[in-house]
Structures are given as C-alpha cells and as structure tokens.
N, C-alpha and C. Protein backbone atom coordinates (compact mmCIF):
# COMPACT_ATOMS: atom_id res chain seq x y z
N MET A 1 51.43 244.81 -207.58
CA MET A 1 50.11 246.10 -208.30
C MET A 1 49.46 246.17 -206.82
N LYS A 2 48.79 247.81 -206.89
CA LYS A 2 48.03 248.20 -205.86
C LYS A 2 46.83 247.67 -205.21
N SER A 3 46.06 247.68 -204.94
CA SER A 3 45.25 247.23 -204.25
C SER A 3 43.93 247.61 -205.24
N VAL A 4 42.86 247.42 -205.41
CA VAL A 4 41.86 247.50 -206.29
C VAL A 4 41.23 248.56 -205.50
N ALA A 5 40.43 249.96 -205.83
CA ALA A 5 39.50 250.92 -205.22
C ALA A 5 38.02 249.87 -205.76
N GLY A 6 37.41 250.08 -204.11
CA GLY A 6 35.69 249.65 -203.80
C GLY A 6 34.74 249.80 -204.82
N SER A 7 34.71 251.19 -205.41
CA SER A 7 33.30 251.39 -206.52
C SER A 7 33.66 251.22 -207.71
N GLU A 8 35.22 251.03 -208.37
CA GLU A 8 35.53 250.80 -209.40
C GLU A 8 35.62 249.14 -209.26
N LEU A 9 35.84 248.76 -208.63
CA LEU A 9 35.86 247.21 -208.74
C LEU A 9 34.08 246.50 -208.59
N ALA A 10 33.49 247.39 -208.21
CA ALA A 10 32.07 246.53 -207.91
C ALA A 10 31.52 247.21 -209.74
N LYS A 11 31.76 247.94 -209.84
CA LYS A 11 31.29 248.18 -211.63
C LYS A 11 31.89 247.50 -212.08
N LEU A 12 33.39 247.30 -212.29
CA LEU A 12 33.97 246.18 -213.11
C LEU A 12 33.26 244.80 -213.11
N VAL A 13 32.70 244.36 -211.86
CA VAL A 13 32.44 242.73 -211.35
C VAL A 13 30.97 243.29 -211.64
N LEU A 14 30.21 244.01 -211.17
CA LEU A 14 28.94 243.84 -211.99
C LEU A 14 28.50 243.93 -213.22
N ARG A 15 29.48 244.29 -214.03
CA ARG A 15 29.75 244.44 -215.85
C ARG A 15 29.81 243.19 -216.28
N ALA A 16 31.74 242.18 -215.34
CA ALA A 16 31.25 241.21 -215.57
C ALA A 16 30.10 239.83 -215.76
N VAL A 17 29.72 240.12 -214.45
CA VAL A 17 28.88 239.51 -213.76
C VAL A 17 27.21 239.46 -215.43
N GLU A 18 27.06 240.48 -215.89
CA GLU A 18 26.25 241.03 -217.17
C GLU A 18 26.69 240.09 -218.42
N VAL A 19 27.85 240.33 -218.13
CA VAL A 19 28.40 239.89 -219.73
C VAL A 19 28.55 238.35 -219.14
N TYR A 20 28.91 237.93 -218.41
CA TYR A 20 29.10 236.43 -218.21
C TYR A 20 27.31 235.71 -218.42
N ASN A 21 26.40 236.61 -217.66
CA ASN A 21 25.24 235.91 -217.95
C ASN A 21 24.46 235.92 -218.96
N ARG A 22 24.92 236.73 -219.85
CA ARG A 22 24.45 237.03 -221.89
C ARG A 22 24.88 235.74 -221.98
N TYR A 23 26.39 235.40 -222.15
CA TYR A 23 26.98 234.01 -223.10
C TYR A 23 26.59 232.77 -222.05
N ARG A 24 26.21 232.80 -220.84
CA ARG A 24 26.20 231.63 -220.06
C ARG A 24 24.58 230.96 -219.39
N SER A 25 23.94 231.75 -218.91
CA SER A 25 22.84 231.82 -218.46
C SER A 25 22.03 230.63 -219.36
N PRO A 26 21.52 230.04 -219.41
CA PRO A 26 20.76 229.31 -217.91
C PRO A 26 21.45 228.46 -217.11
N GLU A 27 22.81 227.98 -218.32
CA GLU A 27 23.26 226.58 -218.02
C GLU A 27 24.21 227.18 -216.70
N ALA A 28 24.85 228.75 -216.53
CA ALA A 28 25.64 229.10 -214.94
C ALA A 28 24.85 230.51 -215.18
N THR A 29 24.21 231.00 -213.93
CA THR A 29 24.39 232.21 -213.40
C THR A 29 24.74 233.21 -212.37
N ALA A 30 25.84 234.04 -212.81
CA ALA A 30 26.16 234.48 -211.71
C ALA A 30 25.58 235.23 -211.09
N LYS A 31 25.84 235.82 -209.44
CA LYS A 31 25.53 236.93 -208.87
C LYS A 31 26.26 237.34 -207.81
N LEU A 32 26.85 238.74 -207.88
CA LEU A 32 27.58 239.19 -206.78
C LEU A 32 26.68 238.94 -205.20
N LEU A 33 27.77 238.36 -204.59
CA LEU A 33 27.18 238.50 -203.34
C LEU A 33 27.98 239.60 -202.36
N LYS A 34 29.62 239.41 -202.52
CA LYS A 34 29.90 239.95 -201.38
C LYS A 34 30.86 241.10 -202.08
N LEU A 35 31.13 242.00 -201.90
CA LEU A 35 32.21 242.99 -201.92
C LEU A 35 33.51 243.09 -201.23
N GLU A 36 34.71 242.77 -201.58
CA GLU A 36 35.61 242.93 -200.09
C GLU A 36 36.62 243.86 -200.54
N GLU A 37 37.65 244.02 -199.98
CA GLU A 37 39.02 245.53 -200.62
C GLU A 37 39.64 244.71 -201.29
N ASP A 38 39.89 243.42 -201.58
CA ASP A 38 40.69 242.79 -202.60
C ASP A 38 40.07 241.65 -202.98
N GLY A 39 38.92 242.01 -202.80
CA GLY A 39 38.15 240.52 -203.58
C GLY A 39 36.57 240.73 -203.80
N PHE A 40 36.04 239.54 -204.25
CA PHE A 40 34.78 239.60 -203.92
C PHE A 40 34.28 238.10 -204.25
N THR A 41 32.77 238.03 -204.20
CA THR A 41 32.19 236.44 -204.09
C THR A 41 31.21 236.48 -204.80
N ILE A 42 31.09 235.37 -205.64
CA ILE A 42 30.19 235.20 -206.72
C ILE A 42 29.42 233.99 -206.17
N GLU A 43 28.11 233.88 -206.13
CA GLU A 43 27.06 232.94 -206.39
C GLU A 43 26.79 232.40 -207.63
N PHE A 44 27.44 231.14 -208.02
CA PHE A 44 26.83 230.57 -209.37
C PHE A 44 25.74 229.67 -209.25
N GLU A 45 24.58 229.61 -210.00
CA GLU A 45 23.81 228.90 -209.88
C GLU A 45 23.09 228.36 -211.46
N GLY A 46 23.20 227.07 -211.57
CA GLY A 46 22.25 226.27 -212.69
C GLY A 46 22.54 224.63 -212.60
N SER A 47 22.65 224.41 -214.03
CA SER A 47 22.31 223.29 -214.25
C SER A 47 23.77 222.87 -215.00
N PHE A 48 24.49 223.86 -215.13
CA PHE A 48 26.26 223.86 -215.48
C PHE A 48 25.98 222.51 -216.38
N CYS A 49 26.89 222.85 -217.57
CA CYS A 49 27.01 221.35 -218.28
C CYS A 49 27.89 220.84 -217.88
N GLN A 50 27.26 219.76 -217.92
CA GLN A 50 28.50 218.54 -216.72
C GLN A 50 29.86 218.17 -217.34
N SER A 51 29.74 217.92 -219.24
CA SER A 51 30.83 217.73 -219.95
C SER A 51 31.95 218.74 -219.89
N CYS A 52 31.78 220.22 -218.97
CA CYS A 52 32.61 220.77 -218.94
C CYS A 52 33.05 220.69 -218.17
N GLY A 53 32.73 220.65 -216.93
CA GLY A 53 33.51 220.84 -215.65
C GLY A 53 33.10 221.46 -215.10
N VAL A 54 32.14 221.77 -213.86
CA VAL A 54 31.97 222.77 -213.16
C VAL A 54 33.09 224.09 -213.09
N GLN A 55 34.00 223.60 -212.49
CA GLN A 55 35.42 224.82 -212.02
C GLN A 55 35.72 225.52 -213.35
N ASP A 56 35.34 225.25 -214.56
CA ASP A 56 35.47 225.96 -216.11
C ASP A 56 34.74 227.01 -215.83
N TYR A 57 33.53 227.34 -215.08
CA TYR A 57 32.39 228.20 -215.06
C TYR A 57 32.90 229.19 -214.33
N PHE A 58 33.72 228.91 -213.52
CA PHE A 58 34.26 229.70 -212.26
C PHE A 58 35.10 230.41 -213.01
N GLU A 59 36.38 229.79 -213.45
CA GLU A 59 37.39 229.90 -214.50
C GLU A 59 36.83 230.78 -215.25
N ASP A 60 35.81 230.93 -216.22
CA ASP A 60 35.43 231.91 -217.29
C ASP A 60 35.19 233.26 -216.56
N PHE A 61 34.56 233.16 -215.44
CA PHE A 61 34.00 234.78 -215.51
C PHE A 61 35.84 235.31 -214.46
N VAL A 62 36.52 234.79 -214.39
CA VAL A 62 38.03 235.30 -214.60
C VAL A 62 38.12 235.98 -215.98
N TYR A 63 38.20 235.09 -216.85
CA TYR A 63 38.11 236.04 -218.22
C TYR A 63 37.84 236.57 -218.47
N GLU A 64 36.04 236.80 -218.34
CA GLU A 64 35.30 237.97 -218.45
C GLU A 64 35.72 239.46 -217.78
N LEU A 65 36.11 239.11 -216.38
CA LEU A 65 37.25 240.03 -215.66
C LEU A 65 37.93 241.15 -216.36
N GLU A 66 38.99 239.84 -216.68
CA GLU A 66 40.26 240.18 -217.22
C GLU A 66 39.91 241.10 -218.64
N GLY A 67 39.29 240.50 -219.25
CA GLY A 67 38.81 241.10 -220.58
C GLY A 67 38.10 242.57 -221.03
N LEU A 68 37.46 242.66 -219.76
CA LEU A 68 36.97 243.88 -219.37
C LEU A 68 38.31 245.18 -219.06
N ASN A 69 39.34 244.69 -218.02
CA ASN A 69 40.45 245.62 -217.66
C ASN A 69 41.34 244.87 -217.97
N SER A 70 42.17 244.82 -218.51
CA SER A 70 43.89 244.59 -218.52
C SER A 70 44.45 244.38 -217.96
N ASN A 71 44.37 245.47 -217.39
CA ASN A 71 44.98 245.65 -215.70
C ASN A 71 44.76 244.39 -214.57
N VAL A 72 43.81 244.20 -214.87
CA VAL A 72 43.41 243.77 -213.38
C VAL A 72 43.44 242.52 -213.44
N GLU A 73 44.55 241.28 -212.24
CA GLU A 73 44.31 240.18 -212.06
C GLU A 73 43.48 239.60 -211.32
N ALA A 74 42.83 238.53 -211.35
CA ALA A 74 41.90 237.77 -210.94
C ALA A 74 42.35 236.23 -210.59
N GLU A 75 41.89 235.59 -208.87
CA GLU A 75 41.93 234.28 -209.08
C GLU A 75 40.98 233.86 -208.10
N ILE A 76 40.62 232.51 -208.36
CA ILE A 76 39.96 232.02 -207.51
C ILE A 76 40.50 231.30 -206.20
N ARG A 77 39.92 231.65 -205.00
CA ARG A 77 40.64 232.29 -203.66
C ARG A 77 39.55 230.42 -202.88
N GLU A 78 38.53 230.33 -203.01
CA GLU A 78 37.93 229.31 -202.74
C GLU A 78 36.61 229.14 -203.13
N ILE A 79 36.24 227.81 -203.01
CA ILE A 79 35.09 227.17 -203.81
C ILE A 79 34.23 226.80 -202.73
N GLU A 80 32.90 226.52 -202.77
CA GLU A 80 32.09 226.14 -201.61
C GLU A 80 30.88 225.81 -202.55
N GLN A 81 30.73 224.39 -202.10
CA GLN A 81 29.29 224.08 -203.01
C GLN A 81 28.22 224.28 -201.61
N THR A 82 26.86 225.24 -202.03
CA THR A 82 25.93 225.06 -201.39
C THR A 82 24.71 224.55 -201.33
N SER A 83 24.64 224.13 -202.79
CA SER A 83 23.51 223.04 -202.60
C SER A 83 24.33 221.92 -204.32
N PRO A 84 23.42 221.22 -204.62
CA PRO A 84 23.65 220.69 -205.88
C PRO A 84 23.79 221.19 -207.28
N GLN A 85 23.26 222.65 -207.45
CA GLN A 85 23.40 223.61 -208.64
C GLN A 85 23.69 224.91 -208.01
N SER A 86 24.56 224.93 -207.10
CA SER A 86 24.99 226.03 -206.72
C SER A 86 26.02 225.90 -205.99
N PHE A 87 27.36 227.49 -206.03
CA PHE A 87 28.34 227.17 -205.95
C PHE A 87 28.78 228.67 -205.08
N MET A 88 29.23 229.04 -204.00
CA MET A 88 30.04 230.43 -204.22
C MET A 88 31.36 230.14 -204.34
N VAL A 89 31.87 231.49 -205.13
CA VAL A 89 33.15 231.51 -205.17
C VAL A 89 33.43 232.58 -204.91
N ARG A 90 34.88 232.69 -204.35
CA ARG A 90 35.45 233.85 -203.66
C ARG A 90 36.68 233.84 -204.47
N TYR A 91 37.03 235.46 -204.97
CA TYR A 91 38.26 235.29 -205.56
C TYR A 91 38.75 236.86 -205.15
N MET A 92 39.80 236.45 -205.37
CA MET A 92 40.79 238.00 -204.84
C MET A 92 41.87 238.30 -206.46
N VAL A 93 41.71 239.70 -205.95
CA VAL A 93 41.78 240.74 -207.44
C VAL A 93 42.82 241.32 -206.95
N LYS A 94 43.52 242.15 -207.92
CA LYS A 94 44.56 242.82 -207.53
C LYS A 94 44.41 243.80 -209.55
N GLY A 95 45.34 245.09 -209.33
CA GLY A 95 44.86 245.82 -210.27
C GLY A 95 44.90 247.42 -210.40
N ASP A 96 44.78 247.88 -211.48
CA ASP A 96 44.30 249.25 -211.04
C ASP A 96 43.66 249.36 -212.32
N PHE A 97 42.55 250.62 -211.92
CA PHE A 97 41.55 250.29 -212.72
C PHE A 97 41.21 251.74 -213.51
N SER A 98 42.72 252.69 -213.48
CA SER A 98 42.98 253.72 -214.39
C SER A 98 43.01 253.77 -215.51
N SER A 99 43.10 252.83 -216.28
CA SER A 99 43.61 252.47 -217.72
C SER A 99 43.54 251.09 -218.33
N GLY A 100 43.42 250.84 -219.12
CA GLY A 100 43.42 249.34 -219.65
C GLY A 100 42.36 248.86 -220.20
N LYS A 101 41.04 249.97 -220.05
CA LYS A 101 40.02 249.37 -220.02
C LYS A 101 39.63 249.08 -221.87
N LEU A 102 38.60 247.90 -221.64
CA LEU A 102 38.66 247.24 -223.33
C LEU A 102 37.56 247.50 -223.86
N ASP A 103 36.82 247.98 -224.55
CA ASP A 103 35.28 247.80 -225.16
C ASP A 103 35.03 246.25 -225.65
N GLU A 104 35.19 245.75 -224.84
CA GLU A 104 34.53 244.38 -225.31
C GLU A 104 33.61 243.99 -226.21
N GLU A 105 33.03 244.22 -226.47
CA GLU A 105 31.34 244.29 -226.96
C GLU A 105 31.60 244.66 -228.87
N ARG A 106 32.48 245.49 -228.68
CA ARG A 106 33.44 246.28 -230.37
C ARG A 106 34.52 245.44 -230.43
N LEU A 107 35.21 244.91 -229.32
CA LEU A 107 36.01 243.65 -230.27
C LEU A 107 35.86 241.80 -230.47
N PHE A 108 33.98 242.02 -229.82
CA PHE A 108 33.79 241.06 -230.13
C PHE A 108 32.91 240.86 -231.51
N GLN A 109 32.93 241.82 -231.58
CA GLN A 109 31.89 242.28 -233.06
C GLN A 109 32.89 242.27 -234.15
N GLU A 110 34.52 242.80 -234.02
CA GLU A 110 35.45 242.48 -234.46
C GLU A 110 35.71 241.17 -234.67
N PHE A 111 35.36 240.49 -233.61
CA PHE A 111 36.11 239.16 -233.84
C PHE A 111 35.00 238.10 -234.88
N LEU A 112 33.86 238.21 -234.75
CA LEU A 112 33.01 237.75 -235.09
C LEU A 112 32.94 238.07 -236.87
N ARG A 113 33.14 239.28 -237.12
CA ARG A 113 33.11 240.03 -238.88
C ARG A 113 34.95 239.05 -239.33
N GLU A 114 35.41 239.09 -238.71
CA GLU A 114 36.66 238.26 -238.81
C GLU A 114 36.38 237.17 -239.33
N LYS A 115 35.86 236.14 -238.49
CA LYS A 115 35.05 234.64 -238.57
C LYS A 115 33.84 234.79 -240.21
N GLY A 116 33.54 235.77 -240.00
CA GLY A 116 32.23 236.01 -241.35
C GLY A 116 31.33 235.66 -240.81
N LEU A 117 31.02 235.56 -239.36
CA LEU A 117 29.78 235.86 -238.15
C LEU A 117 29.37 237.52 -238.20
N SER A 118 27.92 237.47 -237.84
CA SER A 118 27.32 238.30 -236.97
C SER A 118 27.05 238.22 -235.73
N VAL A 119 26.40 239.04 -235.14
CA VAL A 119 26.24 239.38 -233.62
C VAL A 119 24.75 238.35 -234.02
N GLU A 120 23.94 238.43 -235.09
CA GLU A 120 22.45 237.86 -235.23
C GLU A 120 23.19 236.15 -235.02
N ASP A 121 23.82 235.98 -236.01
CA ASP A 121 24.76 234.73 -235.90
C ASP A 121 25.06 233.77 -234.24
N TYR A 122 25.72 234.68 -233.68
CA TYR A 122 25.88 234.39 -232.54
C TYR A 122 24.58 234.28 -231.63
N MET A 123 24.32 235.05 -231.78
CA MET A 123 22.73 234.53 -230.93
C MET A 123 21.94 233.64 -231.51
N ALA A 124 21.75 233.58 -232.14
CA ALA A 124 20.92 232.45 -232.83
C ALA A 124 21.55 231.09 -232.75
N SER A 125 22.39 231.08 -231.91
CA SER A 125 23.37 229.64 -231.53
C SER A 125 23.10 229.07 -230.56
N ASN A 126 23.52 227.43 -229.93
CA ASN A 126 23.04 227.34 -228.94
C ASN A 126 24.07 227.65 -227.90
N PRO A 127 23.38 227.18 -226.53
CA PRO A 127 24.66 227.70 -225.48
C PRO A 127 26.35 226.85 -225.55
N CYS A 128 26.26 225.54 -226.00
CA CYS A 128 27.63 225.52 -226.26
C CYS A 128 28.42 225.67 -227.11
N THR A 129 27.49 226.02 -228.32
CA THR A 129 28.24 226.92 -229.28
C THR A 129 29.08 228.27 -229.07
N LYS A 130 27.67 228.60 -228.04
CA LYS A 130 28.33 229.91 -227.69
C LYS A 130 29.47 230.00 -226.82
N ASP A 131 29.11 228.96 -225.83
CA ASP A 131 30.82 229.20 -224.65
C ASP A 131 32.03 228.90 -225.72
N VAL A 132 31.97 227.89 -227.18
CA VAL A 132 32.88 227.68 -228.08
C VAL A 132 33.37 228.86 -228.51
N MET A 133 32.79 230.11 -228.80
CA MET A 133 32.96 231.24 -229.77
C MET A 133 33.23 231.57 -228.71
N ARG A 134 33.09 231.99 -227.65
CA ARG A 134 33.91 232.66 -226.27
C ARG A 134 34.80 232.32 -226.01
N PHE A 135 35.11 231.47 -226.28
CA PHE A 135 36.80 230.44 -225.84
C PHE A 135 37.40 230.94 -226.72
N HIS A 136 36.95 231.00 -228.13
CA HIS A 136 37.85 231.26 -229.52
C HIS A 136 38.32 232.62 -229.38
N PHE A 137 37.01 233.77 -228.55
CA PHE A 137 37.23 234.95 -228.46
C PHE A 137 38.12 235.47 -227.88
N ARG A 138 38.38 235.21 -226.65
CA ARG A 138 39.35 234.62 -226.02
C ARG A 138 40.67 234.42 -226.31
N THR A 139 41.43 233.35 -226.78
CA THR A 139 42.34 233.21 -227.41
C THR A 139 42.82 234.10 -228.42
N TRP A 140 41.53 234.61 -229.39
CA TRP A 140 41.96 236.19 -230.35
C TRP A 140 42.50 237.03 -229.41
N LEU A 141 41.49 237.55 -228.44
CA LEU A 141 42.08 238.88 -227.47
C LEU A 141 43.49 238.42 -226.98
N PHE A 142 43.94 237.29 -226.59
CA PHE A 142 45.30 237.05 -225.96
C PHE A 142 46.25 237.21 -227.28
N GLU A 143 46.15 236.91 -228.41
CA GLU A 143 46.81 236.43 -230.03
C GLU A 143 47.33 238.17 -230.16
N ARG A 144 45.87 238.98 -229.90
CA ARG A 144 45.87 240.45 -230.30
C ARG A 144 46.65 241.04 -229.53
N LYS A 145 47.00 240.66 -228.46
CA LYS A 145 47.50 241.45 -227.10
C LYS A 145 49.00 240.96 -227.33
N SER A 146 48.85 239.59 -227.51
CA SER A 146 50.76 239.47 -227.49
C SER A 146 51.47 239.92 -228.80
N LYS A 147 50.61 240.17 -230.18
CA LYS A 147 51.42 240.75 -231.28
C LYS A 147 51.59 242.02 -231.14
N ARG A 148 50.88 243.24 -230.23
CA ARG A 148 50.77 244.05 -229.81
C ARG A 148 52.13 244.66 -228.61
N ASN A 149 52.76 243.59 -228.09
CA ASN A 149 54.00 243.46 -227.01
C ASN A 149 55.00 243.31 -227.55
C-alpha cells in the first residue's frame, strides 16, 4: 500500500476522533496532537474503565479509523503514559483514501434497527452498554464485509 496523503489523513483522523469521543467520553477522550507522513499521535485522557483494560481504548481508536475507511490500516506504534489519567499513543497508518469510505452513521443506524433498537435507545444507554454495542457493531461490520468477499 502507498503512504497516505496528509490532508486526507487529517480529515479522517479528525472524524475518527469525533466519533470516538461521541461514544467513549468522558471515560476516554481523544485529541489529535501530531500528524506525520505515515501516522499520527493521539492524546487520551480520562478515568478509563479499569475493568476493560486501558490498551482496549487505544485499539478501539483503530477500529473507528478503519471503520470510516476500509482501505486504511492502522496499528499502534508506541504508548507513553504522561500522567495517571493521560496517555500519548503514536499510530502508524497505511492505505489509500481514494475509495472505500463508509457511511458509518447510516450503517450504525441499520445495525441498531436490525437489533430492534433506535438511536435514542442507544443515546440513553450507559457508557459501558454503549461500548458493548459499539463492539457488536464492529463485529457486525466485519461479518457483513466478509459475506461480500
């Protein structure tokens, strides 16, 4: 795969931060710190659900990013704890931004409908339930993608 273009990467990462924060804040809040040619650095702050494991929050960001564009591959390069409730995570990204964009909001709404739920039901849920629903949504997306291939 070729390296990603800077402005397209910035748009994608900022959108992923927005989606990530919508579903995980205040337990974990992501903020873009630095954009590089082949990756980016995110600062995560929050109380983090200790039973989940802090690393899961960083890996969830990869799922959000890859969910927005199926042609992108991301992986954690380095994790640095900067305070008891703050981490800097460097990600490496490869991919092609020219195609493969997913309408995640539309797909999430379709997923909720299939499960007999509404967006309002989801928004009224507690943070842990939201995390579980997002996990099941990612599984649903993976299975959907696998069936098409």
